[in-house]
Amino acid sequence: MNIREFLKPSIPKILVTLVLPAVVYVLLTFNLEGVLDFYWYLLTPFYKVYADVMYREFNWFILLWVSFYVSACLMEAGYRRGMRD
């Protein structure tokens, strides 16, 4: 399998990528109440900071989508390899 085929989007990869943040949040906090807030952090590229004046800062949480997508790709590759063997 080459890298192009490995990273090629598919419906299962996208679904796993969308569900994976909720699973990670629940495993890290043992709490379901803040899952939507965690998705808000993941979907907001900038947030406002007030320190004498208001300015915007880059939200580094948005970069977690890369790791979630690569994890979904690894899960699908492992599943396909298991089905072949």
PDB file of N, CA and C in Angstrom:
ATOM      1  N   MET A   1       0.846  -1.175   0.000  1.00  0.00           N
ATOM      2  CA  MET A   1       0.000   0.000   0.000  1.00  0.00           C
ATOM      3  C   MET A   1       0.892   1.239   0.000  1.00  0.00           C
ATOM      4  N   ASN A   2       0.608   2.141  -0.894  1.00  0.00           N
ATOM      5  CA  ASN A   2       1.377   3.380  -0.948  1.00  0.00           C
ATOM      6  C   ASN A   2       0.707   4.459  -0.097  1.00  0.00           C
ATOM      7  N   ILE A   3       1.396   5.557   0.107  1.00  0.00           N
ATOM      8  CA  ILE A   3       0.907   6.615   0.984  1.00  0.00           C
ATOM      9  C   ILE A   3      -0.333   7.294   0.427  1.00  0.00           C
ATOM     10  N   ARG A   4      -0.436   7.377  -0.890  1.00  0.00           N
ATOM     11  CA  ARG A   4      -1.605   7.999  -1.517  1.00  0.00           C
ATOM     12  C   ARG A   4      -2.871   7.195  -1.232  1.00  0.00           C
ATOM     13  N   GLU A   5      -2.782   5.897  -1.350  1.00  0.00           N
ATOM     14  CA  GLU A   5      -3.929   5.045  -1.061  1.00  0.00           C
ATOM     15  C   GLU A   5      -4.219   5.010   0.447  1.00  0.00           C
ATOM     16  N   PHE A   6      -3.169   5.080   1.254  1.00  0.00           N
ATOM     17  CA  PHE A   6      -3.326   5.071   2.706  1.00  0.00           C
ATOM     18  C   PHE A   6      -4.099   6.301   3.191  1.00  0.00           C
ATOM     19  N   LEU A   7      -3.812   7.479   2.644  1.00  0.00           N
ATOM     20  CA  LEU A   7      -4.451   8.721   3.082  1.00  0.00           C
ATOM     21  C   LEU A   7      -5.698   9.097   2.292  1.00  0.00           C
ATOM     22  N   LYS A   8      -6.051   8.297   1.292  1.00  0.00           N
ATOM     23  CA  LYS A   8      -7.219   8.588   0.472  1.00  0.00           C
ATOM     24  C   LYS A   8      -8.492   8.532   1.327  1.00  0.00           C
ATOM     25  N   PRO A   9      -9.320   9.593   1.302  1.00  0.00           N
ATOM     26  CA  PRO A   9     -10.528   9.608   2.131  1.00  0.00           C
ATOM     27  C   PRO A   9     -11.542   8.555   1.697  1.00  0.00           C
ATOM     28  N   SER A  10     -12.224   8.005   2.671  1.00  0.00           N
ATOM     29  CA  SER A  10     -13.330   7.087   2.426  1.00  0.00           C
ATOM     30  C   SER A  10     -14.370   7.314   3.524  1.00  0.00           C
ATOM     31  N   ILE A  11     -15.549   6.791   3.317  1.00  0.00           N
ATOM     32  CA  ILE A  11     -16.632   6.988   4.288  1.00  0.00           C
ATOM     33  C   ILE A  11     -16.269   6.427   5.670  1.00  0.00           C
ATOM     34  N   PRO A  12     -15.734   5.211   5.780  1.00  0.00           N
ATOM     35  CA  PRO A  12     -15.369   4.721   7.121  1.00  0.00           C
ATOM     36  C   PRO A  12     -14.303   5.577   7.810  1.00  0.00           C
ATOM     37  N   LYS A  13     -13.331   6.056   7.052  1.00  0.00           N
ATOM     38  CA  LYS A  13     -12.296   6.911   7.646  1.00  0.00           C
ATOM     39  C   LYS A  13     -12.885   8.206   8.168  1.00  0.00           C
ATOM     40  N   ILE A  14     -13.773   8.805   7.413  1.00  0.00           N
ATOM     41  CA  ILE A  14     -14.387  10.064   7.833  1.00  0.00           C
ATOM     42  C   ILE A  14     -15.262   9.850   9.061  1.00  0.00           C
ATOM     43  N   LEU A  15     -16.031   8.780   9.084  1.00  0.00           N
ATOM     44  CA  LEU A  15     -16.880   8.505  10.245  1.00  0.00           C
ATOM     45  C   LEU A  15     -16.054   8.251  11.502  1.00  0.00           C
ATOM     46  N   VAL A  16     -14.987   7.481  11.363  1.00  0.00           N
ATOM     47  CA  VAL A  16     -14.127   7.221  12.524  1.00  0.00           C
ATOM     48  C   VAL A  16     -13.458   8.509  12.985  1.00  0.00           C
ATOM     49  N   THR A  17     -13.049   9.346  12.040  1.00  0.00           N
ATOM     50  CA  THR A  17     -12.422  10.621  12.389  1.00  0.00           C
ATOM     51  C   THR A  17     -13.390  11.520  13.151  1.00  0.00           C
ATOM     52  N   LEU A  18     -14.665  11.491  12.805  1.00  0.00           N
ATOM     53  CA  LEU A  18     -15.640  12.323  13.491  1.00  0.00           C
ATOM     54  C   LEU A  18     -16.016  11.784  14.872  1.00  0.00           C
ATOM     55  N   VAL A  19     -15.944  10.478  15.070  1.00  0.00           N
ATOM     56  CA  VAL A  19     -16.318   9.870  16.350  1.00  0.00           C
ATOM     57  C   VAL A  19     -15.127   9.803  17.315  1.00  0.00           C
ATOM     58  N   LEU A  20     -13.937   9.705  16.792  1.00  0.00           N
ATOM     59  CA  LEU A  20     -12.740   9.522  17.608  1.00  0.00           C
ATOM     60  C   LEU A  20     -12.521  10.611  18.659  1.00  0.00           C
ATOM     61  N   PRO A  21     -12.769  11.898  18.387  1.00  0.00           N
ATOM     62  CA  PRO A  21     -12.582  12.897  19.445  1.00  0.00           C
ATOM     63  C   PRO A  21     -13.460  12.659  20.672  1.00  0.00           C
ATOM     64  N   ALA A  22     -14.679  12.211  20.467  1.00  0.00           N
ATOM     65  CA  ALA A  22     -15.561  11.934  21.608  1.00  0.00           C
ATOM     66  C   ALA A  22     -15.015  10.775  22.433  1.00  0.00           C
ATOM     67  N   VAL A  23     -14.518   9.753  21.772  1.00  0.00           N
ATOM     68  CA  VAL A  23     -13.956   8.605  22.483  1.00  0.00           C
ATOM     69  C   VAL A  23     -12.716   9.019  23.272  1.00  0.00           C
ATOM     70  N   VAL A  24     -11.853   9.803  22.664  1.00  0.00           N
ATOM     71  CA  VAL A  24     -10.641  10.263  23.347  1.00  0.00           C
ATOM     72  C   VAL A  24     -11.008  11.126  24.542  1.00  0.00           C
ATOM     73  N   TYR A  25     -11.968  12.032  24.385  1.00  0.00           N
ATOM     74  CA  TYR A  25     -12.366  12.897  25.482  1.00  0.00           C
ATOM     75  C   TYR A  25     -12.915  12.086  26.653  1.00  0.00           C
ATOM     76  N   VAL A  26     -13.774  11.120  26.356  1.00  0.00           N
ATOM     77  CA  VAL A  26     -14.361  10.308  27.423  1.00  0.00           C
ATOM     78  C   VAL A  26     -13.292   9.469  28.113  1.00  0.00           C
ATOM     79  N   LEU A  27     -12.354   8.915  27.369  1.00  0.00           N
ATOM     80  CA  LEU A  27     -11.293   8.114  27.979  1.00  0.00           C
ATOM     81  C   LEU A  27     -10.349   8.957  28.832  1.00  0.00           C
ATOM     82  N   LEU A  28     -10.154  10.220  28.471  1.00  0.00           N
ATOM     83  CA  LEU A  28      -9.252  11.073  29.240  1.00  0.00           C
ATOM     84  C   LEU A  28      -9.913  11.698  30.461  1.00  0.00           C
ATOM     85  N   THR A  29     -11.216  11.970  30.399  1.00  0.00           N
ATOM     86  CA  THR A  29     -11.880  12.673  31.497  1.00  0.00           C
ATOM     87  C   THR A  29     -12.898  11.830  32.249  1.00  0.00           C
ATOM     88  N   PHE A  30     -13.297  10.689  31.716  1.00  0.00           N
ATOM     89  CA  PHE A  30     -14.352   9.850  32.304  1.00  0.00           C
ATOM     90  C   PHE A  30     -15.636  10.653  32.520  1.00  0.00           C
ATOM     91  N   ASN A  31     -15.937  11.537  31.585  1.00  0.00           N
ATOM     92  CA  ASN A  31     -17.079  12.423  31.711  1.00  0.00           C
ATOM     93  C   ASN A  31     -17.658  12.682  30.327  1.00  0.00           C
ATOM     94  N   LEU A  32     -18.986  12.628  30.215  1.00  0.00           N
ATOM     95  CA  LEU A  32     -19.638  12.885  28.925  1.00  0.00           C
ATOM     96  C   LEU A  32     -20.092  14.325  28.765  1.00  0.00           C
ATOM     97  N   GLU A  33     -20.085  15.104  29.849  1.00  0.00           N
ATOM     98  CA  GLU A  33     -20.710  16.416  29.819  1.00  0.00           C
ATOM     99  C   GLU A  33     -19.986  17.427  28.931  1.00  0.00           C
ATOM    100  N   GLY A  34     -18.681  17.331  28.766  1.00  0.00           N
ATOM    101  CA  GLY A  34     -17.950  18.334  28.024  1.00  0.00           C
ATOM    102  C   GLY A  34     -17.574  17.937  26.611  1.00  0.00           C
ATOM    103  N   VAL A  35     -18.176  16.901  26.074  1.00  0.00           N
ATOM    104  CA  VAL A  35     -17.803  16.433  24.733  1.00  0.00           C
ATOM    105  C   VAL A  35     -18.077  17.505  23.681  1.00  0.00           C
ATOM    106  N   LEU A  36     -19.216  18.172  23.775  1.00  0.00           N
ATOM    107  CA  LEU A  36     -19.532  19.203  22.785  1.00  0.00           C
ATOM    108  C   LEU A  36     -18.573  20.384  22.893  1.00  0.00           C
ATOM    109  N   ASP A  37     -18.140  20.710  24.100  1.00  0.00           N
ATOM    110  CA  ASP A  37     -17.145  21.767  24.256  1.00  0.00           C
ATOM    111  C   ASP A  37     -15.826  21.371  23.601  1.00  0.00           C
ATOM    112  N   PHE A  38     -15.452  20.109  23.719  1.00  0.00           N
ATOM    113  CA  PHE A  38     -14.227  19.636  23.088  1.00  0.00           C
ATOM    114  C   PHE A  38     -14.328  19.742  21.570  1.00  0.00           C
ATOM    115  N   TYR A  39     -15.484  19.383  21.007  1.00  0.00           N
ATOM    116  CA  TYR A  39     -15.678  19.563  19.567  1.00  0.00           C
ATOM    117  C   TYR A  39     -15.604  21.041  19.192  1.00  0.00           C
ATOM    118  N   TRP A  40     -16.117  21.927  20.058  1.00  0.00           N
ATOM    119  CA  TRP A  40     -16.040  23.354  19.782  1.00  0.00           C
ATOM    120  C   TRP A  40     -14.580  23.797  19.709  1.00  0.00           C
ATOM    121  N   TYR A  41     -13.743  23.316  20.644  1.00  0.00           N
ATOM    122  CA  TYR A  41     -12.319  23.646  20.599  1.00  0.00           C
ATOM    123  C   TYR A  41     -11.674  23.129  19.314  1.00  0.00           C
ATOM    124  N   LEU A  42     -12.092  21.950  18.870  1.00  0.00           N
ATOM    125  CA  LEU A  42     -11.503  21.376  17.664  1.00  0.00           C
ATOM    126  C   LEU A  42     -11.941  22.094  16.390  1.00  0.00           C
ATOM    127  N   LEU A  43     -13.084  22.748  16.416  1.00  0.00           N
ATOM    128  CA  LEU A  43     -13.623  23.368  15.204  1.00  0.00           C
ATOM    129  C   LEU A  43     -13.411  24.881  15.129  1.00  0.00           C
ATOM    130  N   THR A  44     -12.829  25.466  16.164  1.00  0.00           N
ATOM    131  CA  THR A  44     -12.618  26.911  16.190  1.00  0.00           C
ATOM    132  C   THR A  44     -11.153  27.225  15.899  1.00  0.00           C
ATOM    133  N   PRO A  45     -10.837  27.815  14.738  1.00  0.00           N
ATOM    134  CA  PRO A  45      -9.435  28.061  14.404  1.00  0.00           C
ATOM    135  C   PRO A  45      -8.795  29.193  15.220  1.00  0.00           C
ATOM    136  N   PHE A  46      -9.580  30.178  15.624  1.00  0.00           N
ATOM    137  CA  PHE A  46      -9.068  31.290  16.423  1.00  0.00           C
ATOM    138  C   PHE A  46      -9.999  31.529  17.593  1.00  0.00           C
ATOM    139  N   TYR A  47      -9.465  32.028  18.686  1.00  0.00           N
ATOM    140  CA  TYR A  47     -10.301  32.424  19.805  1.00  0.00           C
ATOM    141  C   TYR A  47      -9.848  33.781  20.311  1.00  0.00           C
ATOM    142  N   LYS A  48     -10.762  34.465  20.984  1.00  0.00           N
ATOM    143  CA  LYS A  48     -10.492  35.825  21.456  1.00  0.00           C
ATOM    144  C   LYS A  48      -9.864  35.787  22.844  1.00  0.00           C
ATOM    145  N   VAL A  49      -8.859  36.625  23.021  1.00  0.00           N
ATOM    146  CA  VAL A  49      -8.183  36.761  24.303  1.00  0.00           C
ATOM    147  C   VAL A  49      -8.276  38.220  24.722  1.00  0.00           C
ATOM    148  N   TYR A  50      -8.642  38.431  25.963  1.00  0.00           N
ATOM    149  CA  TYR A  50      -8.750  39.797  26.479  1.00  0.00           C
ATOM    150  C   TYR A  50      -7.618  40.036  27.478  1.00  0.00           C
ATOM    151  N   ALA A  51      -6.676  40.886  27.123  1.00  0.00           N
ATOM    152  CA  ALA A  51      -5.611  41.313  28.012  1.00  0.00           C
ATOM    153  C   ALA A  51      -5.385  42.797  27.706  1.00  0.00           C
ATOM    154  N   ASP A  52      -6.074  43.643  28.434  1.00  0.00           N
ATOM    155  CA  ASP A  52      -6.130  45.089  28.195  1.00  0.00           C
ATOM    156  C   ASP A  52      -6.892  45.400  26.907  1.00  0.00           C
ATOM    157  N   VAL A  53      -6.576  44.701  25.840  1.00  0.00           N
ATOM    158  CA  VAL A  53      -7.327  44.831  24.591  1.00  0.00           C
ATOM    159  C   VAL A  53      -7.654  43.431  24.097  1.00  0.00           C
ATOM    160  N   MET A  54      -8.612  43.361  23.184  1.00  0.00           N
ATOM    161  CA  MET A  54      -8.973  42.061  22.632  1.00  0.00           C
ATOM    162  C   MET A  54      -8.098  41.755  21.423  1.00  0.00           C
ATOM    163  N   TYR A  55      -7.575  40.530  21.372  1.00  0.00           N
ATOM    164  CA  TYR A  55      -6.860  40.080  20.195  1.00  0.00           C
ATOM    165  C   TYR A  55      -7.145  38.598  19.992  1.00  0.00           C
ATOM    166  N   ARG A  56      -6.820  38.107  18.814  1.00  0.00           N
ATOM    167  CA  ARG A  56      -7.115  36.715  18.472  1.00  0.00           C
ATOM    168  C   ARG A  56      -5.844  35.891  18.503  1.00  0.00           C
ATOM    169  N   GLU A  57      -5.974  34.661  19.009  1.00  0.00           N
ATOM    170  CA  GLU A  57      -4.860  33.718  19.025  1.00  0.00           C
ATOM    171  C   GLU A  57      -5.253  32.463  18.270  1.00  0.00           C
ATOM    172  N   PHE A  58      -4.249  31.819  17.703  1.00  0.00           N
ATOM    173  CA  PHE A  58      -4.480  30.572  16.988  1.00  0.00           C
ATOM    174  C   PHE A  58      -4.799  29.469  17.992  1.00  0.00           C
ATOM    175  N   ASN A  59      -5.783  28.663  17.671  1.00  0.00           N
ATOM    176  CA  ASN A  59      -6.188  27.558  18.530  1.00  0.00           C
ATOM    177  C   ASN A  59      -5.439  26.299  18.087  1.00  0.00           C
ATOM    178  N   TRP A  60      -4.517  25.839  18.913  1.00  0.00           N
ATOM    179  CA  TRP A  60      -3.700  24.682  18.552  1.00  0.00           C
ATOM    180  C   TRP A  60      -4.468  23.375  18.599  1.00  0.00           C
ATOM    181  N   PHE A  61      -5.651  23.346  19.221  1.00  0.00           N
ATOM    182  CA  PHE A  61      -6.461  22.128  19.262  1.00  0.00           C
ATOM    183  C   PHE A  61      -6.902  21.691  17.870  1.00  0.00           C
ATOM    184  N   ILE A  62      -7.018  22.626  16.939  1.00  0.00           N
ATOM    185  CA  ILE A  62      -7.483  22.291  15.589  1.00  0.00           C
ATOM    186  C   ILE A  62      -6.510  21.338  14.891  1.00  0.00           C
ATOM    187  N   LEU A  63      -5.246  21.348  15.287  1.00  0.00           N
ATOM    188  CA  LEU A  63      -4.264  20.446  14.685  1.00  0.00           C
ATOM    189  C   LEU A  63      -4.445  18.992  15.114  1.00  0.00           C
ATOM    190  N   LEU A  64      -5.259  18.751  16.135  1.00  0.00           N
ATOM    191  CA  LEU A  64      -5.531  17.372  16.548  1.00  0.00           C
ATOM    192  C   LEU A  64      -6.289  16.585  15.478  1.00  0.00           C
ATOM    193  N   TRP A  65      -6.985  17.290  14.572  1.00  0.00           N
ATOM    194  CA  TRP A  65      -7.695  16.584  13.509  1.00  0.00           C
ATOM    195  C   TRP A  65      -6.740  15.757  12.650  1.00  0.00           C
ATOM    196  N   VAL A  66      -5.514  16.219  12.497  1.00  0.00           N
ATOM    197  CA  VAL A  66      -4.529  15.474  11.702  1.00  0.00           C
ATOM    198  C   VAL A  66      -4.259  14.123  12.354  1.00  0.00           C
ATOM    199  N   SER A  67      -4.022  14.124  13.643  1.00  0.00           N
ATOM    200  CA  SER A  67      -3.750  12.857  14.333  1.00  0.00           C
ATOM    201  C   SER A  67      -4.978  11.959  14.351  1.00  0.00           C
ATOM    202  N   PHE A  68      -6.170  12.540  14.480  1.00  0.00           N
ATOM    203  CA  PHE A  68      -7.385  11.724  14.444  1.00  0.00           C
ATOM    204  C   PHE A  68      -7.567  11.072  13.073  1.00  0.00           C
ATOM    205  N   TYR A  69      -7.280  11.814  11.998  1.00  0.00           N
ATOM    206  CA  TYR A  69      -7.440  11.246  10.654  1.00  0.00           C
ATOM    207  C   TYR A  69      -6.391  10.161  10.386  1.00  0.00           C
ATOM    208  N   VAL A  70      -5.155  10.405  10.790  1.00  0.00           N
ATOM    209  CA  VAL A  70      -4.118   9.387  10.588  1.00  0.00           C
ATOM    210  C   VAL A  70      -4.435   8.139  11.410  1.00  0.00           C
ATOM    211  N   SER A  71      -4.978   8.311  12.599  1.00  0.00           N
ATOM    212  CA  SER A  71      -5.396   7.161  13.407  1.00  0.00           C
ATOM    213  C   SER A  71      -6.503   6.379  12.709  1.00  0.00           C
ATOM    214  N   ALA A  72      -7.452   7.092  12.110  1.00  0.00           N
ATOM    215  CA  ALA A  72      -8.517   6.415  11.361  1.00  0.00           C
ATOM    216  C   ALA A  72      -7.946   5.662  10.166  1.00  0.00           C
ATOM    217  N   CYS A  73      -6.955   6.237   9.498  1.00  0.00           N
ATOM    218  CA  CYS A  73      -6.309   5.555   8.377  1.00  0.00           C
ATOM    219  C   CYS A  73      -5.597   4.288   8.852  1.00  0.00           C
ATOM    220  N   LEU A  74      -4.925   4.377   9.999  1.00  0.00           N
ATOM    221  CA  LEU A  74      -4.249   3.195  10.548  1.00  0.00           C
ATOM    222  C   LEU A  74      -5.246   2.110  10.941  1.00  0.00           C
ATOM    223  N   MET A  75      -6.370   2.517  11.514  1.00  0.00           N
ATOM    224  CA  MET A  75      -7.398   1.533  11.886  1.00  0.00           C
ATOM    225  C   MET A  75      -7.949   0.820  10.660  1.00  0.00           C
ATOM    226  N   GLU A  76      -8.213   1.583   9.599  1.00  0.00           N
ATOM    227  CA  GLU A  76      -8.743   0.956   8.390  1.00  0.00           C
ATOM    228  C   GLU A  76      -7.698   0.051   7.738  1.00  0.00           C
ATOM    229  N   ALA A  77      -6.439   0.469   7.728  1.00  0.00           N
ATOM    230  CA  ALA A  77      -5.383  -0.367   7.149  1.00  0.00           C
ATOM    231  C   ALA A  77      -5.223  -1.658   7.952  1.00  0.00           C
ATOM    232  N   GLY A  78      -5.286  -1.552   9.271  1.00  0.00           N
ATOM    233  CA  GLY A  78      -5.215  -2.759  10.094  1.00  0.00           C
ATOM    234  C   GLY A  78      -6.395  -3.680   9.879  1.00  0.00           C
ATOM    235  N   TYR A  79      -7.576  -3.101   9.715  1.00  0.00           N
ATOM    236  CA  TYR A  79      -8.768  -3.900   9.455  1.00  0.00           C
ATOM    237  C   TYR A  79      -8.662  -4.608   8.103  1.00  0.00           C
ATOM    238  N   ARG A  80      -8.216  -3.886   7.085  1.00  0.00           N
ATOM    239  CA  ARG A  80      -8.092  -4.505   5.755  1.00  0.00           C
ATOM    240  C   ARG A  80      -7.026  -5.598   5.748  1.00  0.00           C
ATOM    241  N   ARG A  81      -5.925  -5.362   6.468  1.00  0.00           N
ATOM    242  CA  ARG A  81      -4.871  -6.385   6.536  1.00  0.00           C
ATOM    243  C   ARG A  81      -5.378  -7.625   7.265  1.00  0.00           C
ATOM    244  N   GLY A  82      -6.164  -7.422   8.321  1.00  0.00           N
ATOM    245  CA  GLY A  82      -6.735  -8.545   9.051  1.00  0.00           C
ATOM    246  C   GLY A  82      -7.739  -9.329   8.216  1.00  0.00           C
ATOM    247  N   MET A  83      -8.485  -8.641   7.343  1.00  0.00           N
ATOM    248  CA  MET A  83      -9.445  -9.314   6.495  1.00  0.00           C
ATOM    249  C   MET A  83      -8.745 -10.105   5.389  1.00  0.00           C
ATOM    250  N   ARG A  84      -7.558  -9.638   4.954  1.00  0.00           N
ATOM    251  CA  ARG A  84      -6.814 -10.342   3.907  1.00  0.00           C
ATOM    252  C   ARG A  84      -6.212 -11.642   4.415  1.00  0.00           C
ATOM    253  N   ASP A  85      -5.734 -11.604   5.653  1.00  0.00           N
ATOM    254  CA  ASP A  85      -5.032 -12.783   6.209  1.00  0.00           C
ATOM    255  C   ASP A  85      -5.967 -13.863   6.638  1.00  0.00           C
TER     256      ASP A  85
END
